[in-house]
């Protein structure tokens, strides 16, 4: 009887220590208290929502940096509330992602990343809101890319950004 209890105790301890060691996701960065996880970065790449340029040494770092910038811009978008994008435009863009990946590839990407179609709809909606905001704020002047980069750099200086990812 005592031997049986010891065996049960050893099995329980082993199971608990294994459960403790299981990593569910990895925090890549924290921006003003909001986390960006490895799952977020991988989903952005998997669905082609953020495409690192060919030959990028560290696609994860590139994508993480874009997601940090995106989060900073979305904070400003939330403050100024540009008009909501047309739901048809959201559907068109989401359908384009599904078409590019193919139905099976799209389903696989959803499963692999743990994303839902609603997650992607939110991402696309926010992309469209960001575009509207940036168009209102910066217009289409030739210096627009430089002005946006300077503005985003200033947002980043004022924000609390902690990057956990150290690169490959």
N, C-alpha and C. Protein backbone atom coordinates (compact mmCIF):
# COMPACT_ATOMS: atom_id res chain seq x y z
N UNK A 1 0.82 -1.19 0.00
CA UNK A 1 0.00 0.00 0.00
C UNK A 1 0.87 1.26 0.00
N UNK A 2 1.89 1.30 0.83
CA UNK A 2 2.79 2.44 0.89
C UNK A 2 3.55 2.58 -0.42
N UNK A 3 3.92 1.46 -0.99
CA UNK A 3 4.66 1.46 -2.25
C UNK A 3 3.78 2.04 -3.37
N UNK A 4 2.52 1.69 -3.36
CA UNK A 4 1.58 2.19 -4.35
C UNK A 4 1.43 3.71 -4.24
N UNK A 5 1.36 4.23 -3.03
CA UNK A 5 1.26 5.68 -2.80
C UNK A 5 2.51 6.39 -3.31
N UNK A 6 3.65 5.80 -3.08
CA UNK A 6 4.90 6.40 -3.56
C UNK A 6 4.92 6.46 -5.08
N UNK A 7 4.49 5.39 -5.71
CA UNK A 7 4.46 5.36 -7.18
C UNK A 7 3.50 6.42 -7.70
N UNK A 8 2.33 6.52 -7.08
CA UNK A 8 1.35 7.53 -7.49
C UNK A 8 1.91 8.92 -7.28
N UNK A 9 2.58 9.16 -6.17
CA UNK A 9 3.18 10.46 -5.89
C UNK A 9 4.25 10.80 -6.92
N UNK A 10 5.10 9.84 -7.25
CA UNK A 10 6.16 10.07 -8.25
C UNK A 10 5.53 10.41 -9.61
N UNK A 11 4.49 9.68 -9.99
CA UNK A 11 3.82 9.94 -11.27
C UNK A 11 3.20 11.35 -11.28
N UNK A 12 2.56 11.73 -10.17
CA UNK A 12 1.96 13.06 -10.08
C UNK A 12 3.01 14.16 -10.16
N UNK A 13 4.10 14.01 -9.44
CA UNK A 13 5.18 15.00 -9.47
C UNK A 13 5.76 15.12 -10.87
N UNK A 14 5.97 13.99 -11.52
CA UNK A 14 6.49 14.01 -12.89
C UNK A 14 5.52 14.71 -13.84
N UNK A 15 4.25 14.43 -13.69
CA UNK A 15 3.24 15.05 -14.56
C UNK A 15 3.15 16.55 -14.32
N UNK A 16 3.20 16.96 -13.07
CA UNK A 16 3.13 18.38 -12.75
C UNK A 16 4.37 19.12 -13.23
N UNK A 17 5.54 18.53 -13.08
CA UNK A 17 6.75 19.20 -13.53
C UNK A 17 6.77 19.32 -15.04
N UNK A 18 6.23 18.31 -15.74
CA UNK A 18 6.15 18.39 -17.20
C UNK A 18 5.15 19.47 -17.62
N UNK A 19 4.02 19.55 -16.92
CA UNK A 19 3.01 20.56 -17.24
C UNK A 19 3.55 21.95 -16.99
N UNK A 20 4.35 22.13 -15.98
CA UNK A 20 4.94 23.43 -15.68
C UNK A 20 5.91 23.87 -16.76
N UNK A 21 6.58 22.95 -17.39
CA UNK A 21 7.61 23.27 -18.37
C UNK A 21 7.04 23.57 -19.75
N UNK A 22 5.76 23.35 -19.96
CA UNK A 22 5.16 23.54 -21.26
C UNK A 22 4.99 25.03 -21.57
N UNK A 23 5.55 25.47 -22.69
CA UNK A 23 5.44 26.86 -23.12
C UNK A 23 4.26 26.97 -24.08
N UNK A 24 3.35 27.85 -23.78
CA UNK A 24 2.17 28.02 -24.62
C UNK A 24 2.46 29.06 -25.72
N UNK A 25 3.06 30.16 -25.38
CA UNK A 25 3.42 31.20 -26.33
C UNK A 25 4.58 31.99 -25.74
N UNK A 26 5.18 32.80 -26.55
CA UNK A 26 6.34 33.56 -26.12
C UNK A 26 6.06 35.04 -26.34
N UNK A 27 6.28 35.85 -25.32
CA UNK A 27 6.12 37.29 -25.46
C UNK A 27 7.34 37.83 -26.17
N UNK A 28 7.09 38.50 -27.29
CA UNK A 28 8.17 39.07 -28.10
C UNK A 28 8.43 40.53 -27.72
N UNK A 29 7.34 41.26 -27.38
CA UNK A 29 7.47 42.67 -27.01
C UNK A 29 6.23 43.09 -26.22
N UNK A 30 6.40 44.18 -25.48
CA UNK A 30 5.28 44.79 -24.77
C UNK A 30 5.29 46.27 -25.15
N UNK A 31 4.15 46.75 -25.64
CA UNK A 31 4.01 48.13 -26.08
C UNK A 31 2.90 48.78 -25.26
N UNK A 32 3.30 49.70 -24.40
CA UNK A 32 2.33 50.38 -23.53
C UNK A 32 1.41 49.38 -22.83
N UNK A 33 1.98 48.30 -22.35
CA UNK A 33 1.23 47.30 -21.60
C UNK A 33 0.55 46.24 -22.44
N UNK A 34 0.57 46.35 -23.76
CA UNK A 34 -0.04 45.36 -24.64
C UNK A 34 1.05 44.45 -25.20
N UNK A 35 0.79 43.16 -25.16
CA UNK A 35 1.81 42.21 -25.60
C UNK A 35 1.70 41.89 -27.09
N UNK A 36 2.85 41.61 -27.66
CA UNK A 36 2.95 41.04 -29.00
C UNK A 36 3.64 39.70 -28.79
N UNK A 37 2.96 38.64 -29.20
CA UNK A 37 3.48 37.29 -28.97
C UNK A 37 4.10 36.72 -30.24
N UNK A 38 4.82 35.64 -30.04
CA UNK A 38 5.39 34.92 -31.18
C UNK A 38 4.26 34.48 -32.11
N UNK A 39 3.13 34.08 -31.57
CA UNK A 39 1.98 33.69 -32.39
C UNK A 39 1.51 34.85 -33.27
N UNK A 40 1.49 36.06 -32.72
CA UNK A 40 1.11 37.24 -33.51
C UNK A 40 2.06 37.45 -34.68
N UNK A 41 3.36 37.34 -34.39
CA UNK A 41 4.38 37.54 -35.42
C UNK A 41 4.26 36.46 -36.49
N UNK A 42 4.16 35.23 -36.07
CA UNK A 42 4.08 34.12 -37.03
C UNK A 42 2.80 34.19 -37.87
N UNK A 43 1.68 34.58 -37.26
CA UNK A 43 0.43 34.70 -38.01
C UNK A 43 0.55 35.82 -39.05
N UNK A 44 1.17 36.91 -38.69
CA UNK A 44 1.34 38.02 -39.64
C UNK A 44 2.14 37.59 -40.86
N UNK A 45 3.15 36.77 -40.62
CA UNK A 45 3.96 36.25 -41.73
C UNK A 45 3.19 35.19 -42.50
N UNK A 46 2.59 34.25 -41.80
CA UNK A 46 1.89 33.13 -42.42
C UNK A 46 0.79 33.59 -43.36
N UNK A 47 0.03 34.61 -42.97
CA UNK A 47 -1.07 35.10 -43.79
C UNK A 47 -0.63 36.17 -44.79
N UNK A 48 0.65 36.55 -44.73
CA UNK A 48 1.14 37.58 -45.64
C UNK A 48 0.65 38.96 -45.29
N UNK A 49 0.25 39.17 -44.04
CA UNK A 49 -0.23 40.47 -43.60
C UNK A 49 0.93 41.45 -43.47
N UNK A 50 2.07 40.93 -43.10
CA UNK A 50 3.32 41.69 -43.10
C UNK A 50 4.32 40.79 -43.81
N UNK A 51 4.89 41.31 -44.87
CA UNK A 51 5.80 40.50 -45.69
C UNK A 51 7.22 41.04 -45.58
N UNK A 52 8.08 40.33 -44.87
CA UNK A 52 9.48 40.75 -44.82
C UNK A 52 10.08 40.73 -46.23
N UNK A 53 10.85 41.72 -46.59
CA UNK A 53 11.47 41.73 -47.92
C UNK A 53 12.35 40.50 -48.13
N UNK A 54 12.44 40.07 -49.36
CA UNK A 54 13.29 38.92 -49.69
C UNK A 54 14.72 39.20 -49.20
N UNK A 55 15.32 38.19 -48.61
CA UNK A 55 16.69 38.32 -48.13
C UNK A 55 16.82 38.94 -46.75
N UNK A 56 15.69 39.23 -46.10
CA UNK A 56 15.74 39.79 -44.75
C UNK A 56 16.44 38.80 -43.83
N UNK A 57 17.47 39.27 -43.13
CA UNK A 57 18.27 38.39 -42.27
C UNK A 57 17.43 37.75 -41.17
N UNK A 58 16.53 38.51 -40.57
CA UNK A 58 15.71 37.99 -39.48
C UNK A 58 14.25 38.42 -39.70
N UNK A 59 13.48 37.60 -40.43
CA UNK A 59 12.09 37.95 -40.71
C UNK A 59 11.25 38.18 -39.45
N UNK A 60 11.55 37.44 -38.37
CA UNK A 60 10.80 37.64 -37.13
C UNK A 60 11.04 39.04 -36.58
N UNK A 61 12.30 39.49 -36.56
CA UNK A 61 12.62 40.82 -36.05
C UNK A 61 11.98 41.90 -36.91
N UNK A 62 12.03 41.73 -38.22
CA UNK A 62 11.41 42.70 -39.14
C UNK A 62 9.91 42.79 -38.85
N UNK A 63 9.26 41.65 -38.79
CA UNK A 63 7.81 41.62 -38.57
C UNK A 63 7.46 42.17 -37.19
N UNK A 64 8.22 41.81 -36.18
CA UNK A 64 7.98 42.33 -34.84
C UNK A 64 8.06 43.85 -34.84
N UNK A 65 9.05 44.40 -35.51
CA UNK A 65 9.19 45.86 -35.56
C UNK A 65 7.98 46.50 -36.23
N UNK A 66 7.47 45.89 -37.30
CA UNK A 66 6.27 46.41 -37.97
C UNK A 66 5.06 46.32 -37.05
N UNK A 67 4.95 45.23 -36.28
CA UNK A 67 3.82 45.09 -35.36
C UNK A 67 3.90 46.11 -34.22
N UNK A 68 5.10 46.43 -33.77
CA UNK A 68 5.27 47.48 -32.75
C UNK A 68 4.81 48.82 -33.33
N UNK A 69 5.27 49.14 -34.53
CA UNK A 69 4.86 50.39 -35.16
C UNK A 69 3.34 50.42 -35.35
N UNK A 70 2.80 49.31 -35.77
CA UNK A 70 1.36 49.20 -35.99
C UNK A 70 0.59 49.48 -34.70
N UNK A 71 1.06 48.91 -33.59
CA UNK A 71 0.39 49.12 -32.31
C UNK A 71 0.45 50.59 -31.90
N UNK A 72 1.57 51.24 -32.14
CA UNK A 72 1.71 52.66 -31.81
C UNK A 72 0.77 53.51 -32.66
N UNK A 73 0.69 53.21 -33.95
CA UNK A 73 -0.19 53.95 -34.85
C UNK A 73 -1.65 53.71 -34.46
N UNK A 74 -1.99 52.46 -34.14
CA UNK A 74 -3.38 52.17 -33.77
C UNK A 74 -3.81 52.91 -32.51
N UNK A 75 -2.88 53.17 -31.62
CA UNK A 75 -3.20 53.97 -30.44
C UNK A 75 -3.66 55.36 -30.87
N UNK A 76 -2.97 55.94 -31.84
CA UNK A 76 -3.35 57.26 -32.35
C UNK A 76 -4.67 57.17 -33.12
N UNK A 77 -4.85 56.12 -33.88
CA UNK A 77 -6.09 55.92 -34.62
C UNK A 77 -7.27 55.88 -33.65
N UNK A 78 -7.10 55.16 -32.55
CA UNK A 78 -8.18 55.07 -31.55
C UNK A 78 -8.50 56.43 -30.96
N UNK A 79 -7.49 57.26 -30.79
CA UNK A 79 -7.72 58.60 -30.23
C UNK A 79 -8.54 59.48 -31.16
N UNK A 80 -8.30 59.36 -32.46
CA UNK A 80 -8.93 60.28 -33.42
C UNK A 80 -10.10 59.67 -34.19
N UNK A 81 -10.32 58.37 -34.06
CA UNK A 81 -11.49 57.69 -34.62
C UNK A 81 -11.83 58.09 -36.06
N UNK A 82 -11.01 57.67 -37.02
CA UNK A 82 -11.39 57.92 -38.42
C UNK A 82 -12.64 57.10 -38.76
N UNK A 83 -13.26 57.41 -39.89
CA UNK A 83 -14.48 56.66 -40.26
C UNK A 83 -14.20 55.17 -40.39
N UNK A 84 -15.22 54.39 -40.09
CA UNK A 84 -15.10 52.93 -40.22
C UNK A 84 -14.95 52.56 -41.69
N UNK A 85 -14.10 51.58 -41.96
CA UNK A 85 -13.97 51.13 -43.36
C UNK A 85 -15.22 50.40 -43.82
N UNK A 86 -15.39 50.37 -45.11
CA UNK A 86 -16.52 49.67 -45.72
C UNK A 86 -16.36 48.17 -45.47
N UNK A 87 -17.37 47.52 -44.89
CA UNK A 87 -17.27 46.08 -44.64
C UNK A 87 -16.98 45.27 -45.91
N UNK A 88 -17.44 45.77 -47.04
CA UNK A 88 -17.18 45.07 -48.31
C UNK A 88 -15.67 45.07 -48.60
N UNK A 89 -15.00 46.18 -48.32
CA UNK A 89 -13.55 46.26 -48.54
C UNK A 89 -12.81 45.28 -47.63
N UNK A 90 -13.27 45.15 -46.41
CA UNK A 90 -12.66 44.18 -45.48
C UNK A 90 -12.82 42.77 -46.05
N UNK A 91 -14.01 42.45 -46.51
CA UNK A 91 -14.27 41.12 -47.08
C UNK A 91 -13.43 40.88 -48.32
N UNK A 92 -13.31 41.88 -49.17
CA UNK A 92 -12.50 41.74 -50.40
C UNK A 92 -11.06 41.43 -50.04
N UNK A 93 -10.51 42.15 -49.08
CA UNK A 93 -9.11 41.93 -48.70
C UNK A 93 -8.91 40.58 -48.03
N UNK A 94 -9.84 40.19 -47.20
CA UNK A 94 -9.75 38.89 -46.54
C UNK A 94 -9.88 37.75 -47.55
N UNK A 95 -10.79 37.92 -48.50
CA UNK A 95 -10.93 36.93 -49.56
C UNK A 95 -9.66 36.83 -50.40
N UNK A 96 -8.98 37.95 -50.60
CA UNK A 96 -7.73 37.94 -51.36
C UNK A 96 -6.65 37.12 -50.64
N UNK A 97 -6.61 37.23 -49.32
CA UNK A 97 -5.66 36.42 -48.53
C UNK A 97 -6.00 34.94 -48.69
N UNK A 98 -7.28 34.61 -48.57
CA UNK A 98 -7.70 33.22 -48.70
C UNK A 98 -7.42 32.69 -50.11
N UNK A 99 -7.65 33.51 -51.11
CA UNK A 99 -7.40 33.09 -52.50
C UNK A 99 -5.90 32.84 -52.72
N UNK A 100 -5.07 33.75 -52.19
CA UNK A 100 -3.62 33.62 -52.35
C UNK A 100 -3.12 32.33 -51.71
N UNK A 101 -3.64 31.98 -50.55
CA UNK A 101 -3.21 30.77 -49.84
C UNK A 101 -3.92 29.51 -50.33
N UNK A 102 -5.07 29.70 -50.97
CA UNK A 102 -5.91 28.57 -51.36
C UNK A 102 -6.73 28.13 -50.16
N UNK A 103 -7.91 27.53 -50.40
CA UNK A 103 -8.78 27.15 -49.28
C UNK A 103 -8.09 26.23 -48.27
N UNK A 104 -7.37 25.23 -48.76
CA UNK A 104 -6.70 24.30 -47.84
C UNK A 104 -5.57 25.00 -47.09
N UNK A 105 -4.80 25.83 -47.80
CA UNK A 105 -3.71 26.57 -47.17
C UNK A 105 -4.22 27.56 -46.14
N UNK A 106 -5.34 28.20 -46.46
CA UNK A 106 -5.94 29.15 -45.53
C UNK A 106 -6.40 28.44 -44.26
N UNK A 107 -7.08 27.31 -44.43
CA UNK A 107 -7.55 26.52 -43.28
C UNK A 107 -6.37 26.04 -42.45
N UNK A 108 -5.31 25.59 -43.13
CA UNK A 108 -4.11 25.12 -42.42
C UNK A 108 -3.48 26.28 -41.64
N UNK A 109 -3.39 27.46 -42.28
CA UNK A 109 -2.79 28.63 -41.61
C UNK A 109 -3.61 29.03 -40.38
N UNK A 110 -4.93 28.97 -40.49
CA UNK A 110 -5.77 29.27 -39.32
C UNK A 110 -5.46 28.32 -38.18
N UNK A 111 -5.38 27.03 -38.53
CA UNK A 111 -5.14 26.01 -37.51
C UNK A 111 -3.75 26.15 -36.90
N UNK A 112 -2.73 26.31 -37.74
CA UNK A 112 -1.34 26.39 -37.27
C UNK A 112 -1.12 27.60 -36.37
N UNK A 113 -1.73 28.73 -36.73
CA UNK A 113 -1.50 29.96 -35.97
C UNK A 113 -2.48 30.15 -34.82
N UNK A 114 -3.53 29.32 -34.78
CA UNK A 114 -4.53 29.50 -33.73
C UNK A 114 -5.37 30.74 -33.95
N UNK A 115 -5.41 31.21 -35.19
CA UNK A 115 -6.18 32.41 -35.53
C UNK A 115 -7.58 32.02 -35.99
N UNK A 116 -8.44 33.00 -36.00
CA UNK A 116 -9.79 32.82 -36.53
C UNK A 116 -9.99 33.80 -37.67
N UNK A 117 -11.01 33.57 -38.43
CA UNK A 117 -11.35 34.51 -39.51
C UNK A 117 -11.65 35.89 -38.92
N UNK A 118 -12.26 35.91 -37.74
CA UNK A 118 -12.56 37.18 -37.07
C UNK A 118 -11.28 37.93 -36.68
N UNK A 119 -10.25 37.19 -36.26
CA UNK A 119 -8.96 37.82 -35.96
C UNK A 119 -8.42 38.53 -37.20
N UNK A 120 -8.50 37.84 -38.32
CA UNK A 120 -8.01 38.42 -39.57
C UNK A 120 -8.87 39.61 -40.00
N UNK A 121 -10.17 39.52 -39.79
CA UNK A 121 -11.05 40.65 -40.11
C UNK A 121 -10.66 41.88 -39.30
N UNK A 122 -10.37 41.69 -38.02
CA UNK A 122 -9.94 42.81 -37.17
C UNK A 122 -8.63 43.41 -37.68
N UNK A 123 -7.68 42.53 -38.07
CA UNK A 123 -6.40 43.01 -38.57
C UNK A 123 -6.61 43.85 -39.82
N UNK A 124 -7.40 43.34 -40.76
CA UNK A 124 -7.66 44.05 -42.02
C UNK A 124 -8.42 45.35 -41.74
N UNK A 125 -9.41 45.29 -40.87
CA UNK A 125 -10.16 46.50 -40.50
C UNK A 125 -9.22 47.56 -39.97
N UNK A 126 -8.32 47.16 -39.07
CA UNK A 126 -7.39 48.12 -38.50
C UNK A 126 -6.40 48.64 -39.54
N UNK A 127 -6.00 47.80 -40.48
CA UNK A 127 -5.14 48.28 -41.58
C UNK A 127 -5.85 49.39 -42.35
N UNK A 128 -7.11 49.17 -42.66
CA UNK A 128 -7.87 50.17 -43.41
C UNK A 128 -8.07 51.45 -42.59
N UNK A 129 -8.31 51.30 -41.32
CA UNK A 129 -8.45 52.48 -40.43
C UNK A 129 -7.14 53.25 -40.36
N UNK A 130 -6.02 52.52 -40.29
CA UNK A 130 -4.71 53.17 -40.27
C UNK A 130 -4.46 53.93 -41.57
N UNK A 131 -4.80 53.33 -42.68
CA UNK A 131 -4.61 53.98 -43.98
C UNK A 131 -5.42 55.27 -44.05
N UNK A 132 -6.67 55.21 -43.62
CA UNK A 132 -7.52 56.41 -43.62
C UNK A 132 -6.90 57.50 -42.74
N UNK A 133 -6.47 57.11 -41.55
CA UNK A 133 -5.86 58.08 -40.63
C UNK A 133 -4.60 58.71 -41.22
N UNK A 134 -3.72 57.86 -41.77
CA UNK A 134 -2.47 58.37 -42.35
C UNK A 134 -2.75 59.26 -43.55
N UNK A 135 -3.75 58.93 -44.35
CA UNK A 135 -4.13 59.79 -45.48
C UNK A 135 -4.63 61.13 -45.00
N UNK A 136 -5.45 61.13 -43.93
CA UNK A 136 -5.95 62.39 -43.39
C UNK A 136 -4.82 63.22 -42.81
N UNK A 137 -3.91 62.58 -42.11
CA UNK A 137 -2.84 63.31 -41.41
C UNK A 137 -1.72 63.76 -42.32
N UNK A 138 -1.33 62.89 -43.29
CA UNK A 138 -0.14 63.17 -44.08
C UNK A 138 -0.40 63.42 -45.57
N UNK A 139 -1.64 63.22 -46.01
CA UNK A 139 -1.94 63.45 -47.42
C UNK A 139 -1.11 62.55 -48.32
N UNK A 140 -0.88 63.03 -49.53
CA UNK A 140 -0.11 62.23 -50.48
C UNK A 140 1.12 62.98 -50.99
N UNK A 141 1.68 63.83 -50.15
CA UNK A 141 2.87 64.60 -50.52
C UNK A 141 4.07 63.69 -50.74
N UNK A 142 5.01 64.17 -51.50
CA UNK A 142 6.21 63.39 -51.82
C UNK A 142 6.99 63.02 -50.56
N UNK A 143 6.97 63.87 -49.56
CA UNK A 143 7.73 63.61 -48.33
C UNK A 143 6.96 62.75 -47.32
N UNK A 144 5.81 62.23 -47.73
CA UNK A 144 4.96 61.43 -46.84
C UNK A 144 5.71 60.30 -46.13
N UNK A 145 6.46 59.43 -46.84
CA UNK A 145 7.14 58.33 -46.15
C UNK A 145 8.10 58.81 -45.06
N UNK A 146 8.82 59.88 -45.34
CA UNK A 146 9.76 60.43 -44.36
C UNK A 146 9.00 61.03 -43.18
N UNK A 147 7.92 61.73 -43.46
CA UNK A 147 7.12 62.34 -42.39
C UNK A 147 6.51 61.26 -41.50
N UNK A 148 6.02 60.20 -42.10
CA UNK A 148 5.43 59.12 -41.31
C UNK A 148 6.50 58.45 -40.47
N UNK A 149 7.67 58.17 -41.05
CA UNK A 149 8.76 57.52 -40.31
C UNK A 149 9.19 58.38 -39.13
N UNK A 150 9.29 59.68 -39.33
CA UNK A 150 9.67 60.59 -38.24
C UNK A 150 8.61 60.59 -37.14
N UNK A 151 7.35 60.63 -37.54
CA UNK A 151 6.24 60.63 -36.59
C UNK A 151 6.21 59.33 -35.78
N UNK A 152 6.37 58.18 -36.46
CA UNK A 152 6.37 56.89 -35.77
C UNK A 152 7.56 56.80 -34.81
N UNK A 153 8.72 57.30 -35.22
CA UNK A 153 9.88 57.30 -34.33
C UNK A 153 9.60 58.12 -33.08
N UNK A 154 8.90 59.22 -33.23
CA UNK A 154 8.52 60.05 -32.07
C UNK A 154 7.52 59.32 -31.19
N UNK A 155 6.54 58.64 -31.80
CA UNK A 155 5.59 57.85 -31.00
C UNK A 155 6.34 56.80 -30.19
N UNK A 156 7.33 56.17 -30.82
CA UNK A 156 8.09 55.12 -30.16
C UNK A 156 8.91 55.68 -29.00
N UNK A 157 9.47 56.86 -29.17
CA UNK A 157 10.25 57.48 -28.08
C UNK A 157 9.37 57.79 -26.87
N UNK A 158 8.12 58.15 -27.12
CA UNK A 158 7.21 58.51 -26.03
C UNK A 158 6.54 57.29 -25.40
N UNK A 159 6.60 56.17 -26.06
CA UNK A 159 5.90 54.97 -25.58
C UNK A 159 6.80 54.13 -24.69
N UNK A 160 6.16 53.24 -23.97
CA UNK A 160 6.90 52.23 -23.21
C UNK A 160 6.96 50.97 -24.07
N UNK A 161 8.11 50.73 -24.67
CA UNK A 161 8.29 49.59 -25.54
C UNK A 161 9.41 48.74 -24.98
N UNK A 162 9.10 47.49 -24.67
CA UNK A 162 10.09 46.53 -24.20
C UNK A 162 10.11 45.38 -25.17
N UNK A 163 11.27 45.17 -25.80
CA UNK A 163 11.41 44.09 -26.76
C UNK A 163 12.12 42.95 -26.05
N UNK A 164 11.46 41.79 -26.02
CA UNK A 164 12.03 40.60 -25.40
C UNK A 164 12.85 39.77 -26.38
N UNK A 165 12.51 39.88 -27.65
CA UNK A 165 13.15 39.07 -28.69
C UNK A 165 14.54 39.60 -28.97
N UNK A 166 15.51 38.74 -28.92
CA UNK A 166 16.90 39.14 -29.11
C UNK A 166 17.43 38.81 -30.50
N UNK A 167 16.62 38.25 -31.35
CA UNK A 167 17.06 37.93 -32.71
C UNK A 167 17.68 36.57 -32.80
N UNK A 168 17.94 36.21 -34.03
CA UNK A 168 18.50 34.88 -34.27
C UNK A 168 19.99 34.92 -34.30
